[in-house]
């Protein structure tokens, strides 16, 4: 199952996002949930439901609402938990399977872990009831699979929930960040497997240069990643995170999607 994130086509109207997906053979979309995007926090419940219907009518799964919540960050617990509840409700209304969250804990520390565990545990039951997964992406302060899984496992234990397919808690494997964190694809795949909801793929020129390049032409070991997933029988989503919102000089998403689809299918 192949998807892409709208981070690669910032501000693109919904009809054009749908056309991009259907024209490239992608059946899922991660929606950047932010102002200026076709799916944003200002939409009413009715508008979210109607948007979800339009997507499904076109054979597209709204894979996730990509939030910018930082569950390990130095904010008030109540504010973070309330924001998580709002995103879970929006995802359920849209019909999205997941809500993506970042760690955002600054320097890795037990204090950052504890903040993330408390907040994820606090919304686990609401997420389970809504059939929406809250997914911690391997990123920033918790970029290794080992870091993200440690937090999510502790939160699930604290909340007394069991996870299935990333619901109510799980992990997104962003392969760039685990590689930058020093893990091999084999190590990351083994660690993340029980908690894995889906995989984000991308490519970069070097460890010091993060501007996106066409998948398969940079330094990330995408072939090894895909091989590890195949060997483990993974049949879930593979999503292209083309970071054109942060690198406007990058090629349009429409130009790189065909190569990404071909790489994944090969």
Protein backbone atom coordinates (compact mmCIF):
# COMPACT_ATOMS: atom_id res chain seq x y z
CA UNK A 1 0.00 0.00 0.00
CA UNK A 2 1.57 3.23 -1.18
CA UNK A 3 0.95 6.73 0.14
CA UNK A 4 2.47 10.20 0.23
CA UNK A 5 2.43 13.10 2.67
CA UNK A 6 1.08 16.49 1.62
CA UNK A 7 4.25 17.98 3.06
CA UNK A 8 5.41 17.43 -0.51
CA UNK A 9 2.67 19.59 -2.06
CA UNK A 10 2.04 22.38 0.46
CA UNK A 11 -1.23 24.22 0.02
CA UNK A 12 -2.38 22.08 -2.90
CA UNK A 13 -6.22 22.06 -3.14
CA UNK A 14 -7.95 18.84 -2.23
CA UNK A 15 -9.10 18.07 -5.79
CA UNK A 16 -5.49 18.27 -6.98
CA UNK A 17 -4.27 16.10 -4.11
CA UNK A 18 -6.84 13.51 -5.14
CA UNK A 19 -5.70 13.77 -8.76
CA UNK A 20 -2.07 13.39 -7.74
CA UNK A 21 -2.88 10.24 -5.79
CA UNK A 22 -5.10 8.58 -8.36
CA UNK A 23 -2.77 9.49 -11.22
CA UNK A 24 0.29 7.99 -9.53
CA UNK A 25 -1.19 4.79 -8.19
CA UNK A 26 -1.13 5.88 -4.55
CA UNK A 27 -4.12 4.86 -2.46
CA UNK A 28 -3.28 6.67 0.78
CA UNK A 29 -2.44 10.22 1.82
CA UNK A 30 -0.95 11.64 5.00
CA UNK A 31 -2.51 15.07 5.44
CA UNK A 32 -0.46 17.84 6.99
CA UNK A 33 -2.98 19.21 9.51
CA UNK A 34 -2.14 22.90 9.51
CA UNK A 35 -3.46 26.27 8.41
CA UNK A 36 -3.27 26.79 4.67
CA UNK A 37 -3.75 23.09 3.91
CA UNK A 38 -6.90 21.49 2.44
CA UNK A 39 -7.51 19.70 5.74
CA UNK A 40 -6.88 22.11 8.60
CA UNK A 41 -7.98 22.75 12.20
CA UNK A 42 -10.58 25.31 11.09
CA UNK A 43 -12.79 22.74 9.37
CA UNK A 44 -16.08 21.88 11.04
CA UNK A 45 -17.06 18.31 11.86
CA UNK A 46 -19.40 18.31 8.89
CA UNK A 47 -16.67 19.53 6.56
CA UNK A 48 -14.27 16.88 7.85
CA UNK A 49 -16.84 14.13 7.34
CA UNK A 50 -17.64 15.35 3.82
CA UNK A 51 -13.95 15.50 2.98
CA UNK A 52 -13.47 11.95 4.19
CA UNK A 53 -16.36 10.83 2.00
CA UNK A 54 -14.81 12.52 -1.05
CA UNK A 55 -11.51 10.78 -0.45
CA UNK A 56 -13.07 7.37 -0.05
CA UNK A 57 -15.29 7.91 -3.10
CA UNK A 58 -12.06 8.32 -5.05
CA UNK A 59 -10.47 5.22 -3.57
CA UNK A 60 -8.13 7.13 -1.25
CA UNK A 61 -7.50 6.31 2.39
CA UNK A 62 -6.82 9.31 4.64
CA UNK A 63 -3.92 7.57 6.31
CA UNK A 64 -3.09 10.12 9.00
CA UNK A 65 -3.46 13.63 10.25
CA UNK A 66 0.13 14.81 10.55
CA UNK A 67 0.09 17.01 13.62
CA UNK A 68 2.85 19.15 15.10
CA UNK A 69 2.16 18.12 18.68
CA UNK A 70 5.38 17.50 20.62
CA UNK A 71 4.51 15.00 23.31
CA UNK A 72 7.89 15.20 25.07
CA UNK A 73 8.16 18.98 24.84
CA UNK A 74 8.26 21.50 27.66
CA UNK A 75 4.60 22.52 27.56
CA UNK A 76 1.76 22.21 30.03
CA UNK A 77 0.46 18.65 30.28
CA UNK A 78 -3.15 19.78 30.15
CA UNK A 79 -2.63 21.78 26.96
CA UNK A 80 -0.86 18.93 25.19
CA UNK A 81 -3.46 16.37 26.23
CA UNK A 82 -6.32 18.65 25.17
CA UNK A 83 -4.64 19.13 21.78
CA UNK A 84 -4.25 15.38 21.41
CA UNK A 85 -7.95 14.88 22.13
CA UNK A 86 -8.87 17.48 19.48
CA UNK A 87 -6.73 15.74 16.89
CA UNK A 88 -8.11 12.30 17.74
CA UNK A 89 -11.66 13.61 17.34
CA UNK A 90 -10.82 15.26 14.01
CA UNK A 91 -9.15 12.10 12.69
CA UNK A 92 -12.15 9.98 13.69
CA UNK A 93 -14.55 12.39 11.98
CA UNK A 94 -12.46 12.43 8.80
CA UNK A 95 -12.06 8.67 8.91
CA UNK A 96 -8.27 8.83 9.23
CA UNK A 97 -6.64 5.87 10.87
CA UNK A 98 -3.91 7.73 12.72
CA UNK A 99 -2.64 10.97 14.25
CA UNK A 100 1.10 11.60 13.86
CA UNK A 101 2.93 13.26 16.77
CA UNK A 102 6.55 14.29 17.28
CA UNK A 103 8.68 13.74 20.38
CA UNK A 104 10.13 17.28 20.52
CA UNK A 105 11.93 16.58 23.78
CA UNK A 106 15.10 18.54 23.10
CA UNK A 107 18.03 16.77 24.69
CA UNK A 108 17.16 13.09 25.26
CA UNK A 109 16.51 12.53 28.96
CA UNK A 110 14.35 10.53 31.38
CA UNK A 111 12.37 13.73 31.98
CA UNK A 112 11.48 13.97 28.29
CA UNK A 113 10.52 10.29 28.29
CA UNK A 114 8.28 10.78 31.31
CA UNK A 115 6.44 13.70 29.72
CA UNK A 116 5.73 11.72 26.57
CA UNK A 117 4.64 8.63 28.50
CA UNK A 118 2.21 10.61 30.68
CA UNK A 119 0.57 12.37 27.77
CA UNK A 120 0.27 9.35 25.49
CA UNK A 121 -1.12 7.24 28.33
CA UNK A 122 -3.66 9.96 29.13
CA UNK A 123 -5.27 9.72 25.67
CA UNK A 124 -4.85 6.00 24.99
CA UNK A 125 -8.36 5.05 26.05
CA UNK A 126 -9.96 7.86 24.01
CA UNK A 127 -7.91 6.82 20.99
CA UNK A 128 -8.95 3.19 21.42
CA UNK A 129 -12.61 4.16 21.65
CA UNK A 130 -12.30 6.25 18.48
CA UNK A 131 -10.32 3.50 16.68
CA UNK A 132 -7.61 6.05 15.96
CA UNK A 133 -3.93 5.42 16.60
CA UNK A 134 -1.67 8.07 18.10
CA UNK A 135 1.70 7.43 16.50
CA UNK A 136 5.07 8.65 17.70
CA UNK A 137 7.39 9.29 14.77
CA UNK A 138 11.07 8.41 15.05
CA UNK A 139 12.27 12.01 15.06
CA UNK A 140 14.38 14.67 16.81
CA UNK A 141 14.92 13.74 20.50
CA UNK A 142 13.71 10.16 19.91
CA UNK A 143 15.00 9.50 16.43
CA UNK A 144 16.03 5.88 16.93
CA UNK A 145 13.47 3.08 16.89
CA UNK A 146 14.78 2.10 20.31
CA UNK A 147 13.93 5.57 21.68
CA UNK A 148 10.43 5.77 20.23
CA UNK A 149 9.48 2.22 21.16
CA UNK A 150 10.72 2.69 24.73
CA UNK A 151 8.27 5.57 25.19
CA UNK A 152 5.29 4.01 23.43
CA UNK A 153 5.69 0.69 25.23
CA UNK A 154 5.83 2.46 28.60
CA UNK A 155 2.75 4.54 27.75
CA UNK A 156 0.76 1.48 26.68
CA UNK A 157 1.76 -0.27 29.89
CA UNK A 158 0.81 2.75 32.00
CA UNK A 159 -2.57 3.00 30.28
CA UNK A 160 -3.19 -0.74 30.46
CA UNK A 161 -3.88 -1.08 26.73
CA UNK A 162 -2.74 -3.55 24.13
CA UNK A 163 -1.94 -2.35 20.63
CA UNK A 164 -2.99 -3.76 17.27
CA UNK A 165 -1.83 -2.14 14.02
CA UNK A 166 -0.81 1.01 15.84
CA UNK A 167 -4.11 1.52 17.66
CA UNK A 168 -4.36 3.11 20.15
CA UNK A 169 -0.59 3.75 20.32
CA UNK A 170 2.16 2.99 17.86
CA UNK A 171 5.23 4.15 15.98
CA UNK A 172 5.95 5.61 12.55
CA UNK A 173 9.31 4.47 11.26
CA UNK A 174 10.92 7.48 9.56
CA UNK A 175 13.89 5.73 8.00
CA UNK A 176 16.04 8.87 7.70
CA UNK A 177 16.01 9.56 11.41
CA UNK A 178 16.78 6.03 12.56
CA UNK A 179 19.69 5.92 10.10
CA UNK A 180 20.98 9.28 11.31
CA UNK A 181 20.64 7.93 14.85
CA UNK A 182 23.10 5.14 14.04
CA UNK A 183 20.70 2.19 13.72
CA UNK A 184 20.94 -0.23 10.83
CA UNK A 185 17.75 -1.11 8.95
CA UNK A 186 17.86 -4.57 10.51
CA UNK A 187 18.11 -3.13 14.02
CA UNK A 188 15.32 -0.61 13.45
CA UNK A 189 13.02 -3.14 11.81
CA UNK A 190 13.44 -5.65 14.62
CA UNK A 191 12.83 -3.06 17.33
CA UNK A 192 9.87 -1.33 15.77
CA UNK A 193 8.06 -4.41 14.45
CA UNK A 194 5.57 -4.96 17.32
CA UNK A 195 4.62 -1.26 17.32
CA UNK A 196 4.86 -0.37 13.65
CA UNK A 197 1.88 1.39 12.07
CA UNK A 198 3.53 2.53 8.84
CA UNK A 199 6.83 3.54 7.28
CA UNK A 200 7.94 6.93 5.94
CA UNK A 201 10.52 6.79 3.16
CA UNK A 202 12.67 9.55 1.68
CA UNK A 203 16.23 10.07 0.49
CA UNK A 204 18.95 12.67 1.09
CA UNK A 205 22.33 13.51 -0.48
CA UNK A 206 24.36 12.99 2.72
CA UNK A 207 24.11 12.90 6.49
CA UNK A 208 24.86 16.62 6.52
CA UNK A 209 22.50 17.68 3.73
CA UNK A 210 18.78 17.03 4.23
CA UNK A 211 17.34 18.53 1.02
CA UNK A 212 15.31 15.74 -0.58
CA UNK A 213 16.53 13.81 -3.60
CA UNK A 214 14.66 11.21 -5.61
CA UNK A 215 14.28 8.01 -3.58
CA UNK A 216 17.01 5.57 -4.48
CA UNK A 217 19.50 8.23 -5.60
CA UNK A 218 20.80 9.33 -2.18
CA UNK A 219 22.59 7.77 0.75
CA UNK A 220 19.73 6.22 2.69
CA UNK A 221 19.69 2.39 2.55
CA UNK A 222 16.18 2.13 1.13
CA UNK A 223 16.86 -1.21 -0.52
CA UNK A 224 17.88 -2.66 2.83
CA UNK A 225 14.83 -1.17 4.51
CA UNK A 226 12.47 -2.64 1.93
CA UNK A 227 14.29 -5.96 2.13
CA UNK A 228 13.91 -6.08 5.90
CA UNK A 229 10.21 -5.30 5.62
CA UNK A 230 9.68 -7.99 2.98
CA UNK A 231 11.56 -10.57 5.04
CA UNK A 232 9.23 -9.85 7.96
CA UNK A 233 6.09 -10.12 5.84
CA UNK A 234 5.22 -6.45 6.23
CA UNK A 235 2.22 -5.58 4.05
CA UNK A 236 1.37 -2.14 5.44
CA UNK A 237 1.70 1.40 4.22
CA UNK A 238 4.85 2.87 2.69
CA UNK A 239 4.59 6.65 2.52
CA UNK A 240 6.80 9.13 0.69
CA UNK A 241 7.68 12.14 2.83
CA UNK A 242 8.92 14.61 0.21
CA UNK A 243 9.81 17.69 2.25
CA UNK A 244 9.09 20.37 -0.32
CA UNK A 245 7.39 22.57 2.29
CA UNK A 246 10.81 23.03 3.90
CA UNK A 247 12.80 22.84 0.65
CA UNK A 248 10.82 24.75 -2.00
CA UNK A 249 13.69 24.35 -4.45
CA UNK A 250 12.99 20.59 -4.58
CA UNK A 251 11.25 19.13 -7.61
CA UNK A 252 7.44 19.05 -7.57
CA UNK A 253 6.02 15.97 -5.91
CA UNK A 254 4.34 14.92 -9.16
CA UNK A 255 7.77 14.48 -10.73
CA UNK A 256 9.13 12.13 -8.07
CA UNK A 257 6.04 10.05 -7.25
CA UNK A 258 6.32 7.74 -10.31
CA UNK A 259 9.89 6.82 -9.40
CA UNK A 260 8.93 6.24 -5.78
CA UNK A 261 6.04 3.97 -6.76
CA UNK A 262 8.31 2.03 -9.11
CA UNK A 263 10.97 1.66 -6.39
CA UNK A 264 8.47 0.34 -3.86
CA UNK A 265 6.88 -2.05 -6.33
CA UNK A 266 10.25 -3.40 -7.40
